[in-house]
């Protein structure tokens, strides 16, 4: 696995907004979100949500 910094939610949102504003193509945005760590961020959020639900 590559050594990558942790996902930056602000950067991911900015990349998403580029697509919503029509500034970037969906394919490019998906690639940016993937390399930016969107999956890891979502996995973290789901883990926290599950922990809170079981508490």
PDB file of N, CA and C in Angstrom:
ATOM      1  N   UNK A   1       0.828  -1.173   0.000  1.00  0.00           N
ATOM      2  CA  UNK A   1       0.000   0.000   0.000  1.00  0.00           C
ATOM      3  C   UNK A   1       0.877   1.242   0.000  1.00  0.00           C
ATOM      4  N   UNK A   2       0.447   2.231  -0.734  1.00  0.00           N
ATOM      5  CA  UNK A   2       1.205   3.465  -0.815  1.00  0.00           C
ATOM      6  C   UNK A   2       1.059   4.268   0.462  1.00  0.00           C
ATOM      7  N   UNK A   3       2.132   4.959   0.822  1.00  0.00           N
ATOM      8  CA  UNK A   3       2.054   5.859   1.973  1.00  0.00           C
ATOM      9  C   UNK A   3       1.391   7.141   1.517  1.00  0.00           C
ATOM     10  N   UNK A   4       0.171   7.347   1.982  1.00  0.00           N
ATOM     11  CA  UNK A   4      -0.584   8.547   1.628  1.00  0.00           C
ATOM     12  C   UNK A   4      -0.978   9.272   2.897  1.00  0.00           C
ATOM     13  N   UNK A   5      -1.112  10.574   2.803  1.00  0.00           N
ATOM     14  CA  UNK A   5      -1.612  11.299   3.967  1.00  0.00           C
ATOM     15  C   UNK A   5      -3.072  10.930   4.206  1.00  0.00           C
ATOM     16  N   UNK A   6      -3.569  11.187   5.404  1.00  0.00           N
ATOM     17  CA  UNK A   6      -4.982  10.886   5.669  1.00  0.00           C
ATOM     18  C   UNK A   6      -5.879  11.745   4.786  1.00  0.00           C
ATOM     19  N   UNK A   7      -7.094  11.269   4.527  1.00  0.00           N
ATOM     20  CA  UNK A   7      -8.020  12.027   3.687  1.00  0.00           C
ATOM     21  C   UNK A   7      -8.283  13.420   4.262  1.00  0.00           C
ATOM     22  N   UNK A   8      -8.382  14.382   3.382  1.00  0.00           N
ATOM     23  CA  UNK A   8      -8.686  15.764   3.765  1.00  0.00           C
ATOM     24  C   UNK A   8     -10.120  16.060   3.325  1.00  0.00           C
ATOM     25  N   UNK A   9     -11.075  16.057   4.275  1.00  0.00           N
ATOM     26  CA  UNK A   9     -12.477  16.278   3.903  1.00  0.00           C
ATOM     27  C   UNK A   9     -12.710  17.566   3.130  1.00  0.00           C
ATOM     28  N   UNK A  10     -12.001  18.629   3.477  1.00  0.00           N
ATOM     29  CA  UNK A  10     -12.177  19.907   2.772  1.00  0.00           C
ATOM     30  C   UNK A  10     -11.757  19.795   1.310  1.00  0.00           C
ATOM     31  N   UNK A  11     -10.657  19.120   1.079  1.00  0.00           N
ATOM     32  CA  UNK A  11     -10.173  18.942  -0.288  1.00  0.00           C
ATOM     33  C   UNK A  11     -11.124  18.050  -1.082  1.00  0.00           C
ATOM     34  N   UNK A  12     -11.609  16.981  -0.457  1.00  0.00           N
ATOM     35  CA  UNK A  12     -12.548  16.096  -1.138  1.00  0.00           C
ATOM     36  C   UNK A  12     -13.831  16.834  -1.508  1.00  0.00           C
ATOM     37  N   UNK A  13     -14.335  17.658  -0.591  1.00  0.00           N
ATOM     38  CA  UNK A  13     -15.533  18.437  -0.885  1.00  0.00           C
ATOM     39  C   UNK A  13     -15.270  19.418  -2.019  1.00  0.00           C
ATOM     40  N   UNK A  14     -14.127  20.035  -2.024  1.00  0.00           N
ATOM     41  CA  UNK A  14     -13.775  20.971  -3.088  1.00  0.00           C
ATOM     42  C   UNK A  14     -13.758  20.265  -4.446  1.00  0.00           C
ATOM     43  N   UNK A  15     -13.201  19.067  -4.477  1.00  0.00           N
ATOM     44  CA  UNK A  15     -13.173  18.302  -5.721  1.00  0.00           C
ATOM     45  C   UNK A  15     -14.578  17.926  -6.158  1.00  0.00           C
ATOM     46  N   UNK A  16     -15.425  17.546  -5.216  1.00  0.00           N
ATOM     47  CA  UNK A  16     -16.813  17.223  -5.537  1.00  0.00           C
ATOM     48  C   UNK A  16     -17.521  18.442  -6.122  1.00  0.00           C
ATOM     49  N   UNK A  17     -17.305  19.602  -5.512  1.00  0.00           N
ATOM     50  CA  UNK A  17     -17.965  20.819  -5.952  1.00  0.00           C
ATOM     51  C   UNK A  17     -17.526  21.235  -7.358  1.00  0.00           C
ATOM     52  N   UNK A  18     -16.307  20.892  -7.744  1.00  0.00           N
ATOM     53  CA  UNK A  18     -15.850  21.162  -9.113  1.00  0.00           C
ATOM     54  C   UNK A  18     -16.758  20.461 -10.111  1.00  0.00           C
ATOM     55  N   UNK A  19     -17.173  19.245  -9.776  1.00  0.00           N
ATOM     56  CA  UNK A  19     -18.071  18.506 -10.664  1.00  0.00           C
ATOM     57  C   UNK A  19     -19.458  19.130 -10.639  1.00  0.00           C
ATOM     58  N   UNK A  20     -19.970  19.452  -9.447  1.00  0.00           N
ATOM     59  CA  UNK A  20     -21.306  20.024  -9.357  1.00  0.00           C
ATOM     60  C   UNK A  20     -21.414  21.352 -10.103  1.00  0.00           C
ATOM     61  N   UNK A  21     -20.344  22.108 -10.127  1.00  0.00           N
ATOM     62  CA  UNK A  21     -20.339  23.399 -10.819  1.00  0.00           C
ATOM     63  C   UNK A  21     -20.069  23.243 -12.315  1.00  0.00           C
ATOM     64  N   UNK A  22     -19.791  22.024 -12.750  1.00  0.00           N
ATOM     65  CA  UNK A  22     -19.523  21.775 -14.162  1.00  0.00           C
ATOM     66  C   UNK A  22     -18.111  22.122 -14.584  1.00  0.00           C
ATOM     67  N   UNK A  23     -17.222  22.270 -13.613  1.00  0.00           N
ATOM     68  CA  UNK A  23     -15.838  22.638 -13.907  1.00  0.00           C
ATOM     69  C   UNK A  23     -14.970  21.434 -14.234  1.00  0.00           C
ATOM     70  N   UNK A  24     -15.439  20.240 -13.905  1.00  0.00           N
ATOM     71  CA  UNK A  24     -14.649  19.029 -14.092  1.00  0.00           C
ATOM     72  C   UNK A  24     -15.567  17.893 -14.513  1.00  0.00           C
ATOM     73  N   UNK A  25     -15.018  16.952 -15.253  1.00  0.00           N
ATOM     74  CA  UNK A  25     -15.803  15.808 -15.724  1.00  0.00           C
ATOM     75  C   UNK A  25     -15.990  14.796 -14.590  1.00  0.00           C
ATOM     76  N   UNK A  26     -17.081  14.034 -14.647  1.00  0.00           N
ATOM     77  CA  UNK A  26     -17.315  13.035 -13.592  1.00  0.00           C
ATOM     78  C   UNK A  26     -16.165  12.038 -13.449  1.00  0.00           C
ATOM     79  N   UNK A  27     -15.599  11.609 -14.557  1.00  0.00           N
ATOM     80  CA  UNK A  27     -14.494  10.646 -14.489  1.00  0.00           C
ATOM     81  C   UNK A  27     -13.285  11.193 -13.763  1.00  0.00           C
ATOM     82  N   UNK A  28     -12.945  12.432 -14.038  1.00  0.00           N
ATOM     83  CA  UNK A  28     -11.801  13.071 -13.380  1.00  0.00           C
ATOM     84  C   UNK A  28     -12.079  13.249 -11.889  1.00  0.00           C
ATOM     85  N   UNK A  29     -13.305  13.635 -11.566  1.00  0.00           N
ATOM     86  CA  UNK A  29     -13.671  13.822 -10.164  1.00  0.00           C
ATOM     87  C   UNK A  29     -13.591  12.495  -9.423  1.00  0.00           C
ATOM     88  N   UNK A  30     -14.116  11.441 -10.009  1.00  0.00           N
ATOM     89  CA  UNK A  30     -14.063  10.135  -9.348  1.00  0.00           C
ATOM     90  C   UNK A  30     -12.617   9.706  -9.114  1.00  0.00           C
ATOM     91  N   UNK A  31     -11.756   9.939 -10.089  1.00  0.00           N
ATOM     92  CA  UNK A  31     -10.338   9.600  -9.922  1.00  0.00           C
ATOM     93  C   UNK A  31      -9.729  10.413  -8.782  1.00  0.00           C
ATOM     94  N   UNK A  32     -10.050  11.703  -8.731  1.00  0.00           N
ATOM     95  CA  UNK A  32      -9.519  12.557  -7.667  1.00  0.00           C
ATOM     96  C   UNK A  32     -10.035  12.121  -6.297  1.00  0.00           C
ATOM     97  N   UNK A  33     -11.311  11.784  -6.221  1.00  0.00           N
ATOM     98  CA  UNK A  33     -11.881  11.345  -4.945  1.00  0.00           C
ATOM     99  C   UNK A  33     -11.251  10.032  -4.495  1.00  0.00           C
ATOM    100  N   UNK A  34     -10.998   9.139  -5.436  1.00  0.00           N
ATOM    101  CA  UNK A  34     -10.389   7.854  -5.104  1.00  0.00           C
ATOM    102  C   UNK A  34      -8.971   8.058  -4.573  1.00  0.00           C
ATOM    103  N   UNK A  35      -8.170   8.806  -5.290  1.00  0.00           N
ATOM    104  CA  UNK A  35      -6.795   9.016  -4.838  1.00  0.00           C
ATOM    105  C   UNK A  35      -6.734   9.920  -3.608  1.00  0.00           C
ATOM    106  N   UNK A  36      -7.770  10.729  -3.406  1.00  0.00           N
ATOM    107  CA  UNK A  36      -7.818  11.604  -2.239  1.00  0.00           C
ATOM    108  C   UNK A  36      -8.254  10.916  -0.960  1.00  0.00           C
ATOM    109  N   UNK A  37      -8.704   9.665  -1.064  1.00  0.00           N
ATOM    110  CA  UNK A  37      -9.028   8.892   0.126  1.00  0.00           C
ATOM    111  C   UNK A  37     -10.491   8.916   0.540  1.00  0.00           C
ATOM    112  N   UNK A  38     -11.399   9.140  -0.413  1.00  0.00           N
ATOM    113  CA  UNK A  38     -12.817   9.168  -0.057  1.00  0.00           C
ATOM    114  C   UNK A  38     -13.270   7.862   0.578  1.00  0.00           C
ATOM    115  N   UNK A  39     -12.827   6.746   0.044  1.00  0.00           N
ATOM    116  CA  UNK A  39     -13.238   5.452   0.617  1.00  0.00           C
ATOM    117  C   UNK A  39     -12.811   5.349   2.078  1.00  0.00           C
ATOM    118  N   UNK A  40     -11.578   5.706   2.357  1.00  0.00           N
ATOM    119  CA  UNK A  40     -11.077   5.631   3.720  1.00  0.00           C
ATOM    120  C   UNK A  40     -11.876   6.547   4.653  1.00  0.00           C
ATOM    121  N   UNK A  41     -12.191   7.740   4.176  1.00  0.00           N
ATOM    122  CA  UNK A  41     -12.970   8.675   4.977  1.00  0.00           C
ATOM    123  C   UNK A  41     -14.356   8.099   5.286  1.00  0.00           C
ATOM    124  N   UNK A  42     -15.002   7.548   4.275  1.00  0.00           N
ATOM    125  CA  UNK A  42     -16.325   6.954   4.477  1.00  0.00           C
ATOM    126  C   UNK A  42     -16.258   5.769   5.426  1.00  0.00           C
ATOM    127  N   UNK A  43     -15.222   4.948   5.303  1.00  0.00           N
ATOM    128  CA  UNK A  43     -15.068   3.809   6.211  1.00  0.00           C
ATOM    129  C   UNK A  43     -14.915   4.282   7.653  1.00  0.00           C
ATOM    130  N   UNK A  44     -14.153   5.358   7.855  1.00  0.00           N
ATOM    131  CA  UNK A  44     -13.988   5.911   9.200  1.00  0.00           C
ATOM    132  C   UNK A  44     -15.324   6.407   9.754  1.00  0.00           C
ATOM    133  N   UNK A  45     -16.075   7.102   8.925  1.00  0.00           N
ATOM    134  CA  UNK A  45     -17.367   7.629   9.363  1.00  0.00           C
ATOM    135  C   UNK A  45     -18.338   6.515   9.725  1.00  0.00           C
ATOM    136  N   UNK A  46     -18.368   5.464   8.925  1.00  0.00           N
ATOM    137  CA  UNK A  46     -19.248   4.323   9.209  1.00  0.00           C
ATOM    138  C   UNK A  46     -18.826   3.657  10.510  1.00  0.00           C
ATOM    139  N   UNK A  47     -17.539   3.521  10.732  1.00  0.00           N
ATOM    140  CA  UNK A  47     -17.040   2.905  11.958  1.00  0.00           C
ATOM    141  C   UNK A  47     -17.460   3.710  13.186  1.00  0.00           C
ATOM    142  N   UNK A  48     -17.311   5.008  13.123  1.00  0.00           N
ATOM    143  CA  UNK A  48     -17.720   5.873  14.235  1.00  0.00           C
ATOM    144  C   UNK A  48     -19.222   5.777  14.456  1.00  0.00           C
ATOM    145  N   UNK A  49     -19.983   5.786  13.378  1.00  0.00           N
ATOM    146  CA  UNK A  49     -21.445   5.699  13.489  1.00  0.00           C
ATOM    147  C   UNK A  49     -21.851   4.379  14.132  1.00  0.00           C
ATOM    148  N   UNK A  50     -21.208   3.298  13.749  1.00  0.00           N
ATOM    149  CA  UNK A  50     -21.535   1.996  14.337  1.00  0.00           C
ATOM    150  C   UNK A  50     -21.174   1.940  15.812  1.00  0.00           C
ATOM    151  N   UNK A  51     -20.044   2.541  16.172  1.00  0.00           N
ATOM    152  CA  UNK A  51     -19.648   2.577  17.574  1.00  0.00           C
ATOM    153  C   UNK A  51     -20.655   3.368  18.404  1.00  0.00           C
ATOM    154  N   UNK A  52     -21.115   4.481  17.868  1.00  0.00           N
ATOM    155  CA  UNK A  52     -22.089   5.308  18.586  1.00  0.00           C
ATOM    156  C   UNK A  52     -23.419   4.598  18.722  1.00  0.00           C
ATOM    157  N   UNK A  53     -23.791   3.845  17.702  1.00  0.00           N
ATOM    158  CA  UNK A  53     -25.074   3.134  17.737  1.00  0.00           C
ATOM    159  C   UNK A  53     -25.054   1.987  18.747  1.00  0.00           C
ATOM    160  N   UNK A  54     -23.882   1.405  18.970  1.00  0.00           N
ATOM    161  CA  UNK A  54     -23.794   0.278  19.898  1.00  0.00           C
ATOM    162  C   UNK A  54     -23.526   0.722  21.334  1.00  0.00           C
ATOM    163  N   UNK A  55     -23.278   1.983  21.522  1.00  0.00           N
ATOM    164  CA  UNK A  55     -22.988   2.488  22.890  1.00  0.00           C
ATOM    165  C   UNK A  55     -24.238   2.734  23.692  1.00  0.00           C
TER     166      UNK A  55
END
